[in-house]
Amino acid sequence: MMSRTVNATDTIAEILAERPDAARILIHRGMHCVGCAMTRFETLAEACAIYGISTDELLADLNRRKGSRRGGSKRPR
């Protein structure tokens, strides 16, 4: 279970530390900041502005998937 909602003022490093699954979401959206040295200083909103991505849409995606590993195949019982 994840502790809190991701917001636009969180740094990329904070998000990745708390939410390792966020790397996949960022990369899927074409954001290559996952391995960048600036992640300690750059907020999600700043990164979105650089990549031309909607902060609101990315936040919705990150928070919708918060703590969820569902979506794969379900095993019958």
Protein backbone atom coordinates (compact mmCIF):
# COMPACT_ATOMS: atom_id res chain seq x y z
CA MET A 1 0.00 0.00 0.00
CA MET A 2 1.35 3.43 -0.96
CA SER A 3 1.47 6.12 1.67
CA ARG A 4 0.33 9.24 -0.14
CA THR A 5 -0.82 10.84 -3.35
CA VAL A 6 1.80 12.09 -5.80
CA ASN A 7 1.59 15.84 -6.46
CA ALA A 8 3.13 18.28 -8.92
CA THR A 9 5.62 19.73 -6.42
CA ASP A 10 7.23 16.36 -5.64
CA THR A 11 10.66 15.91 -7.17
CA ILE A 12 11.12 13.10 -9.65
CA ALA A 13 13.58 11.49 -7.21
CA GLU A 14 11.00 11.54 -4.40
CA ILE A 15 8.39 9.97 -6.65
CA LEU A 16 10.74 7.23 -7.87
CA ALA A 17 11.93 6.46 -4.33
CA GLU A 18 8.38 6.06 -3.05
CA ARG A 19 6.86 4.62 -6.21
CA PRO A 20 9.26 2.44 -8.22
CA ASP A 21 6.37 1.67 -10.61
CA ALA A 22 6.39 5.35 -11.60
CA ALA A 23 9.49 4.76 -13.74
CA ARG A 24 7.47 2.64 -16.15
CA ILE A 25 4.75 5.30 -16.35
CA LEU A 26 7.24 8.11 -16.99
CA ILE A 27 9.11 6.15 -19.65
CA HIS A 28 5.83 5.17 -21.33
CA ARG A 29 5.07 8.89 -21.68
CA GLY A 30 8.50 9.55 -23.24
CA MET A 31 10.01 11.15 -20.15
CA HIS A 32 13.64 10.05 -19.93
CA CYS A 33 14.19 11.79 -16.62
CA VAL A 34 14.25 8.44 -14.81
CA GLY A 35 18.04 8.22 -15.09
CA CYS A 36 18.80 11.94 -15.11
CA ALA A 37 20.96 13.58 -12.44
CA MET A 38 18.44 16.45 -12.17
CA THR A 39 15.77 14.21 -10.64
CA ARG A 40 16.84 15.35 -7.16
CA PHE A 41 15.97 18.95 -8.02
CA GLU A 42 13.32 18.86 -10.74
CA THR A 43 9.66 18.71 -9.75
CA LEU A 44 7.11 16.69 -11.65
CA ALA A 45 5.54 19.93 -12.91
CA GLU A 46 8.91 21.17 -14.20
CA ALA A 47 9.63 17.88 -15.95
CA CYS A 48 6.18 17.91 -17.55
CA ALA A 49 6.80 21.44 -18.84
CA ILE A 50 10.14 20.39 -20.34
CA TYR A 51 8.62 17.35 -22.07
CA GLY A 52 5.39 19.11 -23.09
CA ILE A 53 3.22 16.69 -21.11
CA SER A 54 0.07 17.60 -19.20
CA THR A 55 0.85 17.60 -15.48
CA ASP A 56 -2.78 16.92 -14.63
CA GLU A 57 -2.96 13.89 -16.94
CA LEU A 58 0.30 12.45 -15.63
CA LEU A 59 -0.77 12.98 -12.03
CA ALA A 60 -4.06 11.23 -12.76
CA ASP A 61 -2.18 8.29 -14.27
CA LEU A 62 0.32 8.06 -11.40
CA ASN A 63 -2.35 8.30 -8.73
CA ARG A 64 -4.81 5.99 -10.48
CA ARG A 65 -2.22 3.23 -10.42
CA LYS A 66 -1.14 4.08 -6.89
CA GLY A 67 -0.37 0.88 -5.04
CA SER A 68 -2.04 -1.26 -7.67
CA ARG A 69 -0.46 -4.26 -9.31
CA ARG A 70 -3.77 -5.34 -10.79
CA GLY A 71 -4.45 -5.59 -14.46
CA GLY A 72 -2.58 -8.81 -15.17
CA SER A 73 -4.13 -12.17 -15.62
CA LYS A 74 -6.20 -13.47 -12.77
CA ARG A 75 -5.74 -16.97 -11.50
CA PRO A 76 -8.92 -19.00 -11.22
CA ARG A 77 -9.70 -20.36 -7.79
